[in-house]
């Protein structure tokens, strides 16, 4: 890289302890947040996936596919274990384009219904 980095945007009033506007309770807010990518990946921990990743500033690794098992997922990262050679990859979410699941997906929607796709 050329020394540049991607900074997360900040927005006024975007505080974790802030009371949600209107009639939305904090429990409703938590349920709505369950559809975040990181939470969907956590719900599918242990499943086989292909993660499609782009590194825009790399000429050698512009586009890469990681094939393996979801081991962990966080706000800014995804950890995948390649089952062929047992290599572990820590992938920054900022570079993640999409994930292709090879099994049914576990998903909790905004109505707190547990769905399998």
PDB file of N, CA and C in Angstrom:
ATOM      1  N   UNK A   1       0.833  -1.183   0.000  1.00  0.00           N
ATOM      2  CA  UNK A   1       0.000   0.000   0.000  1.00  0.00           C
ATOM      3  C   UNK A   1       0.876   1.242   0.000  1.00  0.00           C
ATOM      4  N   UNK A   2       0.300   2.360  -0.311  1.00  0.00           N
ATOM      5  CA  UNK A   2       1.066   3.590  -0.425  1.00  0.00           C
ATOM      6  C   UNK A   2       1.001   4.446   0.836  1.00  0.00           C
ATOM      7  N   UNK A   3       0.660   3.882   1.961  1.00  0.00           N
ATOM      8  CA  UNK A   3       0.581   4.621   3.217  1.00  0.00           C
ATOM      9  C   UNK A   3      -0.800   5.183   3.506  1.00  0.00           C
ATOM     10  N   UNK A   4      -1.705   5.080   2.555  1.00  0.00           N
ATOM     11  CA  UNK A   4      -3.082   5.531   2.788  1.00  0.00           C
ATOM     12  C   UNK A   4      -3.845   4.461   3.544  1.00  0.00           C
ATOM     13  N   UNK A   5      -4.883   4.854   4.205  1.00  0.00           N
ATOM     14  CA  UNK A   5      -5.740   3.896   4.882  1.00  0.00           C
ATOM     15  C   UNK A   5      -7.174   4.352   4.758  1.00  0.00           C
ATOM     16  N   UNK A   6      -8.076   3.424   4.980  1.00  0.00           N
ATOM     17  CA  UNK A   6      -9.492   3.729   4.911  1.00  0.00           C
ATOM     18  C   UNK A   6      -9.974   4.059   6.307  1.00  0.00           C
ATOM     19  N   UNK A   7     -10.563   5.214   6.459  1.00  0.00           N
ATOM     20  CA  UNK A   7     -11.065   5.636   7.757  1.00  0.00           C
ATOM     21  C   UNK A   7     -12.560   5.384   7.820  1.00  0.00           C
ATOM     22  N   UNK A   8     -13.025   4.828   8.931  1.00  0.00           N
ATOM     23  CA  UNK A   8     -14.452   4.605   9.104  1.00  0.00           C
ATOM     24  C   UNK A   8     -15.162   5.946   9.233  1.00  0.00           C
ATOM     25  N   UNK A   9     -16.284   6.117   8.542  1.00  0.00           N
ATOM     26  CA  UNK A   9     -17.005   7.384   8.646  1.00  0.00           C
ATOM     27  C   UNK A   9     -17.632   7.549  10.022  1.00  0.00           C
ATOM     28  N   UNK A  10     -17.704   8.782  10.476  1.00  0.00           N
ATOM     29  CA  UNK A  10     -18.390   9.073  11.735  1.00  0.00           C
ATOM     30  C   UNK A  10     -19.527  10.026  11.432  1.00  0.00           C
ATOM     31  N   UNK A  11     -20.610   9.860  12.140  1.00  0.00           N
ATOM     32  CA  UNK A  11     -21.790  10.666  11.915  1.00  0.00           C
ATOM     33  C   UNK A  11     -22.242  11.257  13.241  1.00  0.00           C
ATOM     34  N   UNK A  12     -22.716  12.501  13.235  1.00  0.00           N
ATOM     35  CA  UNK A  12     -23.194  13.109  14.481  1.00  0.00           C
ATOM     36  C   UNK A  12     -24.344  12.300  15.067  1.00  0.00           C
ATOM     37  N   UNK A  13     -24.304  12.133  16.375  1.00  0.00           N
ATOM     38  CA  UNK A  13     -25.388  11.424  17.050  1.00  0.00           C
ATOM     39  C   UNK A  13     -25.334   9.921  16.906  1.00  0.00           C
ATOM     40  N   UNK A  14     -24.246   9.384  16.411  1.00  0.00           N
ATOM     41  CA  UNK A  14     -24.115   7.934  16.223  1.00  0.00           C
ATOM     42  C   UNK A  14     -23.447   7.320  17.449  1.00  0.00           C
ATOM     43  N   UNK A  15     -24.125   7.391  18.567  1.00  0.00           N
ATOM     44  CA  UNK A  15     -23.587   6.874  19.822  1.00  0.00           C
ATOM     45  C   UNK A  15     -24.300   5.594  20.195  1.00  0.00           C
ATOM     46  N   UNK A  16     -23.567   4.641  20.767  1.00  0.00           N
ATOM     47  CA  UNK A  16     -24.157   3.355  21.125  1.00  0.00           C
ATOM     48  C   UNK A  16     -25.217   3.476  22.215  1.00  0.00           C
ATOM     49  N   UNK A  17     -25.037   4.412  23.152  1.00  0.00           N
ATOM     50  CA  UNK A  17     -25.962   4.528  24.275  1.00  0.00           C
ATOM     51  C   UNK A  17     -27.085   5.523  24.009  1.00  0.00           C
ATOM     52  N   UNK A  18     -27.148   6.038  22.812  1.00  0.00           N
ATOM     53  CA  UNK A  18     -28.178   7.012  22.470  1.00  0.00           C
ATOM     54  C   UNK A  18     -29.546   6.335  22.405  1.00  0.00           C
ATOM     55  N   UNK A  19     -30.584   7.023  22.880  1.00  0.00           N
ATOM     56  CA  UNK A  19     -31.938   6.489  22.820  1.00  0.00           C
ATOM     57  C   UNK A  19     -32.445   6.581  21.392  1.00  0.00           C
ATOM     58  N   UNK A  20     -32.962   5.491  20.828  1.00  0.00           N
ATOM     59  CA  UNK A  20     -33.473   5.535  19.461  1.00  0.00           C
ATOM     60  C   UNK A  20     -34.654   6.487  19.341  1.00  0.00           C
ATOM     61  N   UNK A  21     -34.834   7.138  18.181  1.00  0.00           N
ATOM     62  CA  UNK A  21     -35.936   8.091  18.025  1.00  0.00           C
ATOM     63  C   UNK A  21     -37.284   7.397  17.958  1.00  0.00           C
ATOM     64  N   UNK A  22     -38.335   8.176  18.218  1.00  0.00           N
ATOM     65  CA  UNK A  22     -39.702   7.675  18.069  1.00  0.00           C
ATOM     66  C   UNK A  22     -40.063   6.606  19.069  1.00  0.00           C
ATOM     67  N   UNK A  23     -40.854   5.644  18.621  1.00  0.00           N
ATOM     68  CA  UNK A  23     -41.351   4.589  19.487  1.00  0.00           C
ATOM     69  C   UNK A  23     -40.507   3.326  19.435  1.00  0.00           C
ATOM     70  N   UNK A  24     -39.318   3.398  18.874  1.00  0.00           N
ATOM     71  CA  UNK A  24     -38.472   2.212  18.755  1.00  0.00           C
ATOM     72  C   UNK A  24     -37.756   1.978  20.079  1.00  0.00           C
ATOM     73  N   UNK A  25     -37.913   0.797  20.645  1.00  0.00           N
ATOM     74  CA  UNK A  25     -37.250   0.481  21.905  1.00  0.00           C
ATOM     75  C   UNK A  25     -35.828   0.005  21.643  1.00  0.00           C
ATOM     76  N   UNK A  26     -35.022  -0.045  22.691  1.00  0.00           N
ATOM     77  CA  UNK A  26     -33.651  -0.518  22.533  1.00  0.00           C
ATOM     78  C   UNK A  26     -33.630  -1.995  22.130  1.00  0.00           C
ATOM     79  N   UNK A  27     -34.618  -2.773  22.556  1.00  0.00           N
ATOM     80  CA  UNK A  27     -34.712  -4.180  22.154  1.00  0.00           C
ATOM     81  C   UNK A  27     -34.957  -4.286  20.654  1.00  0.00           C
ATOM     82  N   UNK A  28     -35.842  -3.415  20.113  1.00  0.00           N
ATOM     83  CA  UNK A  28     -36.097  -3.395  18.666  1.00  0.00           C
ATOM     84  C   UNK A  28     -34.834  -3.030  17.905  1.00  0.00           C
ATOM     85  N   UNK A  29     -34.068  -2.091  18.447  1.00  0.00           N
ATOM     86  CA  UNK A  29     -32.818  -1.685  17.801  1.00  0.00           C
ATOM     87  C   UNK A  29     -31.857  -2.863  17.738  1.00  0.00           C
ATOM     88  N   UNK A  30     -31.747  -3.626  18.812  1.00  0.00           N
ATOM     89  CA  UNK A  30     -30.859  -4.787  18.820  1.00  0.00           C
ATOM     90  C   UNK A  30     -31.295  -5.819  17.788  1.00  0.00           C
ATOM     91  N   UNK A  31     -32.596  -6.036  17.672  1.00  0.00           N
ATOM     92  CA  UNK A  31     -33.111  -6.991  16.698  1.00  0.00           C
ATOM     93  C   UNK A  31     -32.788  -6.525  15.283  1.00  0.00           C
ATOM     94  N   UNK A  32     -32.972  -5.207  15.006  1.00  0.00           N
ATOM     95  CA  UNK A  32     -32.689  -4.685  13.671  1.00  0.00           C
ATOM     96  C   UNK A  32     -31.210  -4.831  13.330  1.00  0.00           C
ATOM     97  N   UNK A  33     -30.338  -4.701  14.318  1.00  0.00           N
ATOM     98  CA  UNK A  33     -28.908  -4.796  14.072  1.00  0.00           C
ATOM     99  C   UNK A  33     -28.460  -6.219  13.785  1.00  0.00           C
ATOM    100  N   UNK A  34     -29.314  -7.217  14.028  1.00  0.00           N
ATOM    101  CA  UNK A  34     -28.916  -8.597  13.811  1.00  0.00           C
ATOM    102  C   UNK A  34     -28.713  -8.927  12.344  1.00  0.00           C
ATOM    103  N   UNK A  35     -29.184  -8.096  11.437  1.00  0.00           N
ATOM    104  CA  UNK A  35     -29.017  -8.384  10.024  1.00  0.00           C
ATOM    105  C   UNK A  35     -27.704  -7.840   9.471  1.00  0.00           C
ATOM    106  N   UNK A  36     -26.859  -7.257  10.300  1.00  0.00           N
ATOM    107  CA  UNK A  36     -25.550  -6.813   9.850  1.00  0.00           C
ATOM    108  C   UNK A  36     -24.756  -8.007   9.334  1.00  0.00           C
ATOM    109  N   UNK A  37     -23.907  -7.761   8.362  1.00  0.00           N
ATOM    110  CA  UNK A  37     -23.119  -8.834   7.754  1.00  0.00           C
ATOM    111  C   UNK A  37     -22.338  -9.618   8.803  1.00  0.00           C
ATOM    112  N   UNK A  38     -21.721  -8.913   9.735  1.00  0.00           N
ATOM    113  CA  UNK A  38     -20.913  -9.607  10.747  1.00  0.00           C
ATOM    114  C   UNK A  38     -21.765 -10.586  11.554  1.00  0.00           C
ATOM    115  N   UNK A  39     -23.012 -10.200  11.863  1.00  0.00           N
ATOM    116  CA  UNK A  39     -23.883 -11.079  12.636  1.00  0.00           C
ATOM    117  C   UNK A  39     -24.370 -12.262  11.809  1.00  0.00           C
ATOM    118  N   UNK A  40     -24.621 -12.029  10.532  1.00  0.00           N
ATOM    119  CA  UNK A  40     -25.006 -13.135   9.653  1.00  0.00           C
ATOM    120  C   UNK A  40     -23.859 -14.133   9.552  1.00  0.00           C
ATOM    121  N   UNK A  41     -22.641 -13.635   9.431  1.00  0.00           N
ATOM    122  CA  UNK A  41     -21.481 -14.529   9.368  1.00  0.00           C
ATOM    123  C   UNK A  41     -21.312 -15.290  10.683  1.00  0.00           C
ATOM    124  N   UNK A  42     -21.544 -14.623  11.817  1.00  0.00           N
ATOM    125  CA  UNK A  42     -21.453 -15.312  13.120  1.00  0.00           C
ATOM    126  C   UNK A  42     -22.482 -16.428  13.234  1.00  0.00           C
ATOM    127  N   UNK A  43     -23.699 -16.164  12.749  1.00  0.00           N
ATOM    128  CA  UNK A  43     -24.754 -17.186  12.795  1.00  0.00           C
ATOM    129  C   UNK A  43     -24.389 -18.414  11.963  1.00  0.00           C
ATOM    130  N   UNK A  44     -23.473 -18.238  11.021  1.00  0.00           N
ATOM    131  CA  UNK A  44     -23.105 -19.320  10.114  1.00  0.00           C
ATOM    132  C   UNK A  44     -21.685 -19.814  10.353  1.00  0.00           C
ATOM    133  N   UNK A  45     -21.196 -19.587  11.553  1.00  0.00           N
ATOM    134  CA  UNK A  45     -19.874 -20.069  11.942  1.00  0.00           C
ATOM    135  C   UNK A  45     -19.808 -21.586  11.757  1.00  0.00           C
ATOM    136  N   UNK A  46     -18.711 -22.068  11.153  1.00  0.00           N
ATOM    137  CA  UNK A  46     -18.540 -23.491  10.921  1.00  0.00           C
ATOM    138  C   UNK A  46     -18.993 -23.939   9.543  1.00  0.00           C
ATOM    139  N   UNK A  47     -19.573 -23.031   8.763  1.00  0.00           N
ATOM    140  CA  UNK A  47     -20.049 -23.395   7.428  1.00  0.00           C
ATOM    141  C   UNK A  47     -18.992 -23.095   6.366  1.00  0.00           C
ATOM    142  N   UNK A  48     -19.064 -23.873   5.287  1.00  0.00           N
ATOM    143  CA  UNK A  48     -18.122 -23.720   4.180  1.00  0.00           C
ATOM    144  C   UNK A  48     -18.579 -22.581   3.278  1.00  0.00           C
ATOM    145  N   UNK A  49     -17.634 -21.684   2.954  1.00  0.00           N
ATOM    146  CA  UNK A  49     -17.940 -20.506   2.145  1.00  0.00           C
ATOM    147  C   UNK A  49     -16.813 -20.208   1.163  1.00  0.00           C
ATOM    148  N   UNK A  50     -17.135 -19.351   0.224  1.00  0.00           N
ATOM    149  CA  UNK A  50     -16.138 -18.711  -0.626  1.00  0.00           C
ATOM    150  C   UNK A  50     -16.301 -17.219  -0.388  1.00  0.00           C
ATOM    151  N   UNK A  51     -15.226 -16.564   0.055  1.00  0.00           N
ATOM    152  CA  UNK A  51     -15.250 -15.128   0.295  1.00  0.00           C
ATOM    153  C   UNK A  51     -14.546 -14.441  -0.870  1.00  0.00           C
ATOM    154  N   UNK A  52     -15.255 -13.554  -1.544  1.00  0.00           N
ATOM    155  CA  UNK A  52     -14.717 -12.826  -2.683  1.00  0.00           C
ATOM    156  C   UNK A  52     -14.215 -11.470  -2.183  1.00  0.00           C
ATOM    157  N   UNK A  53     -12.927 -11.230  -2.379  1.00  0.00           N
ATOM    158  CA  UNK A  53     -12.259 -10.080  -1.793  1.00  0.00           C
ATOM    159  C   UNK A  53     -11.516  -9.315  -2.880  1.00  0.00           C
ATOM    160  N   UNK A  54     -11.510  -7.975  -2.767  1.00  0.00           N
ATOM    161  CA  UNK A  54     -10.742  -7.133  -3.689  1.00  0.00           C
ATOM    162  C   UNK A  54      -9.794  -6.247  -2.899  1.00  0.00           C
ATOM    163  N   UNK A  55      -8.566  -6.201  -3.364  1.00  0.00           N
ATOM    164  CA  UNK A  55      -7.545  -5.324  -2.796  1.00  0.00           C
ATOM    165  C   UNK A  55      -7.210  -4.298  -3.870  1.00  0.00           C
ATOM    166  N   UNK A  56      -7.863  -3.142  -3.871  1.00  0.00           N
ATOM    167  CA  UNK A  56      -7.747  -2.197  -4.981  1.00  0.00           C
ATOM    168  C   UNK A  56      -6.344  -1.633  -5.206  1.00  0.00           C
ATOM    169  N   UNK A  57      -5.529  -1.580  -4.176  1.00  0.00           N
ATOM    170  CA  UNK A  57      -4.203  -0.991  -4.333  1.00  0.00           C
ATOM    171  C   UNK A  57      -3.122  -2.029  -4.600  1.00  0.00           C
ATOM    172  N   UNK A  58      -3.507  -3.271  -4.828  1.00  0.00           N
ATOM    173  CA  UNK A  58      -2.533  -4.337  -5.086  1.00  0.00           C
ATOM    174  C   UNK A  58      -2.651  -4.806  -6.534  1.00  0.00           C
ATOM    175  N   UNK A  59      -1.532  -4.810  -7.232  1.00  0.00           N
ATOM    176  CA  UNK A  59      -1.571  -5.306  -8.610  1.00  0.00           C
ATOM    177  C   UNK A  59      -1.495  -6.829  -8.635  1.00  0.00           C
ATOM    178  N   UNK A  60      -0.852  -7.426  -7.648  1.00  0.00           N
ATOM    179  CA  UNK A  60      -0.701  -8.882  -7.601  1.00  0.00           C
ATOM    180  C   UNK A  60      -1.959  -9.571  -7.063  1.00  0.00           C
ATOM    181  N   UNK A  61      -2.649  -8.947  -6.119  1.00  0.00           N
ATOM    182  CA  UNK A  61      -3.801  -9.556  -5.457  1.00  0.00           C
ATOM    183  C   UNK A  61      -5.053  -8.707  -5.617  1.00  0.00           C
ATOM    184  N   UNK A  62      -5.309  -8.183  -6.801  1.00  0.00           N
ATOM    185  CA  UNK A  62      -6.463  -7.304  -6.974  1.00  0.00           C
ATOM    186  C   UNK A  62      -7.764  -7.998  -6.572  1.00  0.00           C
ATOM    187  N   UNK A  63      -7.990  -9.197  -7.063  1.00  0.00           N
ATOM    188  CA  UNK A  63      -9.183  -9.972  -6.718  1.00  0.00           C
ATOM    189  C   UNK A  63      -8.752 -11.353  -6.260  1.00  0.00           C
ATOM    190  N   UNK A  64      -9.325 -11.808  -5.140  1.00  0.00           N
ATOM    191  CA  UNK A  64      -8.937 -13.093  -4.577  1.00  0.00           C
ATOM    192  C   UNK A  64     -10.173 -13.778  -4.007  1.00  0.00           C
ATOM    193  N   UNK A  65     -10.172 -15.110  -4.075  1.00  0.00           N
ATOM    194  CA  UNK A  65     -11.256 -15.903  -3.499  1.00  0.00           C
ATOM    195  C   UNK A  65     -10.666 -16.769  -2.393  1.00  0.00           C
ATOM    196  N   UNK A  66     -11.221 -16.648  -1.197  1.00  0.00           N
ATOM    197  CA  UNK A  66     -10.821 -17.489  -0.073  1.00  0.00           C
ATOM    198  C   UNK A  66     -11.880 -18.564   0.087  1.00  0.00           C
ATOM    199  N   UNK A  67     -11.460 -19.798   0.092  1.00  0.00           N
ATOM    200  CA  UNK A  67     -12.362 -20.945   0.156  1.00  0.00           C
ATOM    201  C   UNK A  67     -12.098 -21.665   1.470  1.00  0.00           C
ATOM    202  N   UNK A  68     -13.102 -21.763   2.330  1.00  0.00           N
ATOM    203  CA  UNK A  68     -12.882 -22.445   3.599  1.00  0.00           C
ATOM    204  C   UNK A  68     -14.071 -22.357   4.532  1.00  0.00           C
ATOM    205  N   UNK A  69     -13.779 -22.563   5.808  1.00  0.00           N
ATOM    206  CA  UNK A  69     -14.785 -22.600   6.874  1.00  0.00           C
ATOM    207  C   UNK A  69     -14.743 -21.296   7.660  1.00  0.00           C
ATOM    208  N   UNK A  70     -15.926 -20.727   7.951  1.00  0.00           N
ATOM    209  CA  UNK A  70     -15.982 -19.537   8.802  1.00  0.00           C
ATOM    210  C   UNK A  70     -15.613 -19.955  10.223  1.00  0.00           C
ATOM    211  N   UNK A  71     -14.554 -19.368  10.743  1.00  0.00           N
ATOM    212  CA  UNK A  71     -14.139 -19.647  12.122  1.00  0.00           C
ATOM    213  C   UNK A  71     -14.622 -18.553  13.077  1.00  0.00           C
ATOM    214  N   UNK A  72     -14.519 -17.290  12.652  1.00  0.00           N
ATOM    215  CA  UNK A  72     -14.945 -16.162  13.482  1.00  0.00           C
ATOM    216  C   UNK A  72     -15.316 -14.998  12.573  1.00  0.00           C
ATOM    217  N   UNK A  73     -16.119 -14.083  13.102  1.00  0.00           N
ATOM    218  CA  UNK A  73     -16.444 -12.856  12.396  1.00  0.00           C
ATOM    219  C   UNK A  73     -16.598 -11.738  13.410  1.00  0.00           C
ATOM    220  N   UNK A  74     -16.053 -10.601  13.080  1.00  0.00           N
ATOM    221  CA  UNK A  74     -16.152  -9.436  13.948  1.00  0.00           C
ATOM    222  C   UNK A  74     -16.608  -8.241  13.144  1.00  0.00           C
ATOM    223  N   UNK A  75     -16.639  -7.100  13.789  1.00  0.00           N
ATOM    224  CA  UNK A  75     -17.087  -5.886  13.101  1.00  0.00           C
ATOM    225  C   UNK A  75     -16.235  -5.562  11.890  1.00  0.00           C
ATOM    226  N   UNK A  76     -14.949  -5.797  11.995  1.00  0.00           N
ATOM    227  CA  UNK A  76     -14.064  -5.383  10.910  1.00  0.00           C
ATOM    228  C   UNK A  76     -13.277  -6.531  10.292  1.00  0.00           C
ATOM    229  N   UNK A  77     -13.592  -7.762  10.652  1.00  0.00           N
ATOM    230  CA  UNK A  77     -12.801  -8.873  10.129  1.00  0.00           C
ATOM    231  C   UNK A  77     -13.607 -10.162  10.002  1.00  0.00           C
ATOM    232  N   UNK A  78     -13.063 -11.049   9.198  1.00  0.00           N
ATOM    233  CA  UNK A  78     -13.605 -12.394   9.008  1.00  0.00           C
ATOM    234  C   UNK A  78     -12.427 -13.349   9.043  1.00  0.00           C
ATOM    235  N   UNK A  79     -12.544 -14.421   9.805  1.00  0.00           N
ATOM    236  CA  UNK A  79     -11.486 -15.431   9.857  1.00  0.00           C
ATOM    237  C   UNK A  79     -12.003 -16.696   9.198  1.00  0.00           C
ATOM    238  N   UNK A  80     -11.271 -17.132   8.172  1.00  0.00           N
ATOM    239  CA  UNK A  80     -11.621 -18.332   7.412  1.00  0.00           C
ATOM    240  C   UNK A  80     -10.459 -19.312   7.491  1.00  0.00           C
ATOM    241  N   UNK A  81     -10.794 -20.605   7.658  1.00  0.00           N
ATOM    242  CA  UNK A  81      -9.774 -21.664   7.658  1.00  0.00           C
ATOM    243  C   UNK A  81      -9.927 -22.471   6.383  1.00  0.00           C
ATOM    244  N   UNK A  82      -8.842 -22.519   5.607  1.00  0.00           N
ATOM    245  CA  UNK A  82      -8.819 -23.317   4.384  1.00  0.00           C
ATOM    246  C   UNK A  82      -8.691 -24.781   4.782  1.00  0.00           C
ATOM    247  N   UNK A  83      -9.663 -25.614   4.409  1.00  0.00           N
ATOM    248  CA  UNK A  83      -9.654 -27.017   4.835  1.00  0.00           C
ATOM    249  C   UNK A  83      -8.668 -27.870   4.039  1.00  0.00           C
ATOM    250  N   UNK A  84      -8.219 -27.363   2.896  1.00  0.00           N
ATOM    251  CA  UNK A  84      -7.267 -28.137   2.089  1.00  0.00           C
ATOM    252  C   UNK A  84      -5.890 -28.178   2.730  1.00  0.00           C
ATOM    253  N   UNK A  85      -5.412 -27.033   3.173  1.00  0.00           N
ATOM    254  CA  UNK A  85      -4.056 -26.985   3.743  1.00  0.00           C
ATOM    255  C   UNK A  85      -4.016 -26.430   5.165  1.00  0.00           C
ATOM    256  N   UNK A  86      -5.204 -26.266   5.791  1.00  0.00           N
ATOM    257  CA  UNK A  86      -5.327 -25.797   7.173  1.00  0.00           C
ATOM    258  C   UNK A  86      -4.712 -24.409   7.384  1.00  0.00           C
ATOM    259  N   UNK A  87      -4.715 -23.583   6.343  1.00  0.00           N
ATOM    260  CA  UNK A  87      -4.244 -22.205   6.456  1.00  0.00           C
ATOM    261  C   UNK A  87      -5.390 -21.339   6.964  1.00  0.00           C
ATOM    262  N   UNK A  88      -5.073 -20.437   7.868  1.00  0.00           N
ATOM    263  CA  UNK A  88      -6.072 -19.530   8.439  1.00  0.00           C
ATOM    264  C   UNK A  88      -5.878 -18.144   7.827  1.00  0.00           C
ATOM    265  N   UNK A  89      -6.981 -17.499   7.453  1.00  0.00           N
ATOM    266  CA  UNK A  89      -6.932 -16.174   6.845  1.00  0.00           C
ATOM    267  C   UNK A  89      -7.727 -15.184   7.679  1.00  0.00           C
ATOM    268  N   UNK A  90      -7.118 -14.052   7.946  1.00  0.00           N
ATOM    269  CA  UNK A  90      -7.793 -12.933   8.595  1.00  0.00           C
ATOM    270  C   UNK A  90      -8.067 -11.906   7.503  1.00  0.00           C
ATOM    271  N   UNK A  91      -9.334 -11.701   7.197  1.00  0.00           N
ATOM    272  CA  UNK A  91      -9.735 -10.830   6.096  1.00  0.00           C
ATOM    273  C   UNK A  91     -10.432  -9.607   6.669  1.00  0.00           C
ATOM    274  N   UNK A  92      -9.978  -8.438   6.275  1.00  0.00           N
ATOM    275  CA  UNK A  92     -10.642  -7.211   6.712  1.00  0.00           C
ATOM    276  C   UNK A  92     -11.945  -7.043   5.942  1.00  0.00           C
ATOM    277  N   UNK A  93     -13.026  -6.738   6.654  1.00  0.00           N
ATOM    278  CA  UNK A  93     -14.346  -6.586   6.038  1.00  0.00           C
ATOM    279  C   UNK A  93     -14.366  -5.505   4.959  1.00  0.00           C
ATOM    280  N   UNK A  94     -13.516  -4.522   5.099  1.00  0.00           N
ATOM    281  CA  UNK A  94     -13.485  -3.434   4.133  1.00  0.00           C
ATOM    282  C   UNK A  94     -13.170  -3.939   2.723  1.00  0.00           C
ATOM    283  N   UNK A  95     -12.464  -5.067   2.621  1.00  0.00           N
ATOM    284  CA  UNK A  95     -12.098  -5.628   1.326  1.00  0.00           C
ATOM    285  C   UNK A  95     -13.074  -6.706   0.844  1.00  0.00           C
ATOM    286  N   UNK A  96     -14.001  -7.110   1.699  1.00  0.00           N
ATOM    287  CA  UNK A  96     -14.940  -8.183   1.370  1.00  0.00           C
ATOM    288  C   UNK A  96     -16.028  -7.676   0.430  1.00  0.00           C
ATOM    289  N   UNK A  97     -16.175  -8.342  -0.733  1.00  0.00           N
ATOM    290  CA  UNK A  97     -17.227  -7.986  -1.685  1.00  0.00           C
ATOM    291  C   UNK A  97     -18.508  -8.751  -1.372  1.00  0.00           C
ATOM    292  N   UNK A  98     -18.391 -10.068  -1.318  1.00  0.00           N
ATOM    293  CA  UNK A  98     -19.545 -10.893  -0.965  1.00  0.00           C
ATOM    294  C   UNK A  98     -19.077 -12.280  -0.565  1.00  0.00           C
ATOM    295  N   UNK A  99     -20.000 -13.051   0.022  1.00  0.00           N
ATOM    296  CA  UNK A  99     -19.709 -14.396   0.498  1.00  0.00           C
ATOM    297  C   UNK A  99     -20.691 -15.347  -0.166  1.00  0.00           C
ATOM    298  N   UNK A 100     -20.159 -16.433  -0.691  1.00  0.00           N
ATOM    299  CA  UNK A 100     -20.985 -17.472  -1.309  1.00  0.00           C
ATOM    300  C   UNK A 100     -21.009 -18.668  -0.362  1.00  0.00           C
ATOM    301  N   UNK A 101     -22.206 -19.039   0.089  1.00  0.00           N
ATOM    302  CA  UNK A 101     -22.354 -20.161   1.010  1.00  0.00           C
ATOM    303  C   UNK A 101     -22.583 -21.436   0.223  1.00  0.00           C
ATOM    304  N   UNK A 102     -22.013 -22.524   0.698  1.00  0.00           N
ATOM    305  CA  UNK A 102     -22.200 -23.818   0.059  1.00  0.00           C
ATOM    306  C   UNK A 102     -23.178 -24.684   0.845  1.00  0.00           C
ATOM    307  N   UNK A 103     -23.807 -24.087   1.856  1.00  0.00           N
ATOM    308  CA  UNK A 103     -24.814 -24.755   2.681  1.00  0.00           C
ATOM    309  C   UNK A 103     -25.959 -23.768   2.916  1.00  0.00           C
ATOM    310  N   UNK A 104     -27.027 -24.235   3.553  1.00  0.00           N
ATOM    311  CA  UNK A 104     -28.123 -23.340   3.917  1.00  0.00           C
ATOM    312  C   UNK A 104     -27.604 -22.260   4.857  1.00  0.00           C
ATOM    313  N   UNK A 105     -28.180 -21.067   4.725  1.00  0.00           N
ATOM    314  CA  UNK A 105     -27.764 -19.930   5.540  1.00  0.00           C
ATOM    315  C   UNK A 105     -28.700 -19.789   6.736  1.00  0.00           C
ATOM    316  N   UNK A 106     -28.134 -19.624   7.934  1.00  0.00           N
ATOM    317  CA  UNK A 106     -28.908 -19.260   9.117  1.00  0.00           C
ATOM    318  C   UNK A 106     -29.012 -17.738   9.132  1.00  0.00           C
ATOM    319  N   UNK A 107     -30.215 -17.236   9.374  1.00  0.00           N
ATOM    320  CA  UNK A 107     -30.446 -15.798   9.322  1.00  0.00           C
ATOM    321  C   UNK A 107     -31.559 -15.434  10.288  1.00  0.00           C
ATOM    322  N   UNK A 108     -31.376 -14.342  11.038  1.00  0.00           N
ATOM    323  CA  UNK A 108     -32.419 -13.816  11.913  1.00  0.00           C
ATOM    324  C   UNK A 108     -32.819 -12.477  11.320  1.00  0.00           C
ATOM    325  N   UNK A 109     -34.098 -12.346  10.924  1.00  0.00           N
ATOM    326  CA  UNK A 109     -34.544 -11.096  10.302  1.00  0.00           C
ATOM    327  C   UNK A 109     -34.947 -10.075  11.356  1.00  0.00           C
ATOM    328  N   UNK A 110     -35.416  -8.927  10.927  1.00  0.00           N
ATOM    329  CA  UNK A 110     -35.738  -7.833  11.851  1.00  0.00           C
ATOM    330  C   UNK A 110     -36.934  -8.142  12.744  1.00  0.00           C
ATOM    331  N   UNK A 111     -37.671  -9.185  12.444  1.00  0.00           N
ATOM    332  CA  UNK A 111     -38.809  -9.583  13.278  1.00  0.00           C
ATOM    333  C   UNK A 111     -38.425 -10.683  14.243  1.00  0.00           C
ATOM    334  N   UNK A 112     -37.099 -10.963  14.349  1.00  0.00           N
ATOM    335  CA  UNK A 112     -36.543 -11.971  15.239  1.00  0.00           C
ATOM    336  C   UNK A 112     -37.041 -13.371  14.890  1.00  0.00           C
ATOM    337  N   UNK A 113     -37.307 -13.605  13.618  1.00  0.00           N
ATOM    338  CA  UNK A 113     -37.680 -14.938  13.143  1.00  0.00           C
ATOM    339  C   UNK A 113     -36.413 -15.630  12.656  1.00  0.00           C
ATOM    340  N   UNK A 114     -36.155 -16.814  13.129  1.00  0.00           N
ATOM    341  CA  UNK A 114     -34.977 -17.548  12.717  1.00  0.00           C
ATOM    342  C   UNK A 114     -35.306 -18.270  11.412  1.00  0.00           C
ATOM    343  N   UNK A 115     -34.591 -17.918  10.346  1.00  0.00           N
ATOM    344  CA  UNK A 115     -34.879 -18.448   9.024  1.00  0.00           C
ATOM    345  C   UNK A 115     -33.694 -19.243   8.509  1.00  0.00           C
ATOM    346  N   UNK A 116     -33.945 -20.216   7.674  1.00  0.00           N
ATOM    347  CA  UNK A 116     -32.890 -20.949   6.989  1.00  0.00           C
ATOM    348  C   UNK A 116     -33.143 -20.838   5.501  1.00  0.00           C
ATOM    349  N   UNK A 117     -32.181 -20.325   4.776  1.00  0.00           N
ATOM    350  CA  UNK A 117     -32.315 -20.170   3.324  1.00  0.00           C
ATOM    351  C   UNK A 117     -31.467 -21.191   2.618  1.00  0.00           C
TER     352      UNK A 117
END
